[in-house]
Amino acid sequence: MRLRVALVALAACLALAAVAALLLDWSFEKAVILSPVIVMVVGAAGFLVVLWARIVWESIRGGRQDGQG
């Protein structure tokens, strides 16, 4: 793994932990300990957003093509 990628991932993980600590009124240490869970939750939420956006997009595209053809 390249050093730059690892540093960006570390910065993103620390940023997520800091945001979670602020939003949930936790100490930063507790958020860092729970950072693997925080990263998984954010990743799963992002996956669901992309999945449903694609489903809606394909539904809209499919509806237009069915009406024309």
Protein backbone atom coordinates (compact mmCIF):
# COMPACT_ATOMS: atom_id res chain seq x y z
CA MET A 1 0.00 0.00 0.00
CA ARG A 2 1.29 3.42 -0.79
CA LEU A 3 2.08 5.79 2.01
CA ARG A 4 -0.13 8.56 0.62
CA VAL A 5 -3.16 6.25 0.49
CA ALA A 6 -2.52 5.07 4.03
CA LEU A 7 -2.22 8.66 5.29
CA VAL A 8 -5.45 9.70 3.56
CA ALA A 9 -7.27 6.68 5.02
CA LEU A 10 -5.91 7.48 8.48
CA ALA A 11 -7.00 11.11 8.18
CA ALA A 12 -10.48 10.06 7.03
CA CYS A 13 -10.79 7.60 9.90
CA LEU A 14 -9.74 10.22 12.45
CA ALA A 15 -12.14 12.74 10.93
CA LEU A 16 -15.01 10.25 11.18
CA ALA A 17 -14.08 9.55 14.79
CA ALA A 18 -13.98 13.25 15.57
CA VAL A 19 -17.38 13.85 13.95
CA ALA A 20 -18.88 10.89 15.81
CA ALA A 21 -17.43 12.18 19.08
CA LEU A 22 -19.00 15.58 18.50
CA LEU A 23 -22.37 14.26 17.36
CA LEU A 24 -22.73 11.60 20.04
CA ASP A 25 -21.12 13.61 22.83
CA TRP A 26 -18.41 11.00 23.38
CA SER A 27 -14.81 11.51 24.34
CA PHE A 28 -12.41 11.39 21.41
CA GLU A 29 -10.69 8.35 22.95
CA LYS A 30 -13.95 6.39 23.00
CA ALA A 31 -14.61 7.33 19.36
CA VAL A 32 -11.11 6.21 18.36
CA ILE A 33 -11.63 2.87 20.09
CA LEU A 34 -14.94 2.45 18.25
CA SER A 35 -13.57 3.79 14.95
CA PRO A 36 -13.74 0.40 13.14
CA VAL A 37 -17.46 0.27 13.91
CA ILE A 38 -17.92 3.90 12.92
CA VAL A 39 -16.16 3.34 9.59
CA MET A 40 -18.26 0.24 8.87
CA VAL A 41 -21.50 2.07 9.64
CA VAL A 42 -20.57 5.01 7.41
CA GLY A 43 -19.51 2.63 4.64
CA ALA A 44 -22.75 0.67 4.88
CA ALA A 45 -24.80 3.87 4.82
CA GLY A 46 -22.87 5.08 1.79
CA PHE A 47 -23.45 1.75 0.07
CA LEU A 48 -27.20 2.00 0.69
CA VAL A 49 -27.32 5.55 -0.66
CA VAL A 50 -25.50 4.53 -3.84
CA LEU A 51 -27.62 1.39 -4.22
CA TRP A 52 -30.93 3.22 -3.88
CA ALA A 53 -29.76 6.09 -6.10
CA ARG A 54 -28.90 3.56 -8.79
CA ILE A 55 -32.25 1.80 -8.38
CA VAL A 56 -34.11 5.09 -8.73
CA TRP A 57 -31.97 6.13 -11.69
CA GLU A 58 -32.51 2.84 -13.49
CA SER A 59 -36.23 2.99 -12.73
CA ILE A 60 -36.46 6.46 -14.25
CA ARG A 61 -34.41 5.46 -17.29
CA GLY A 62 -36.37 2.24 -17.74
CA GLY A 63 -39.68 4.07 -17.52
CA ARG A 64 -38.69 6.50 -20.26
CA GLN A 65 -37.45 3.73 -22.56
CA ASP A 66 -40.60 1.64 -22.08
CA GLY A 67 -42.80 4.59 -23.03
CA GLN A 68 -40.84 5.28 -26.22
CA GLY A 69 -40.40 1.79 -27.53
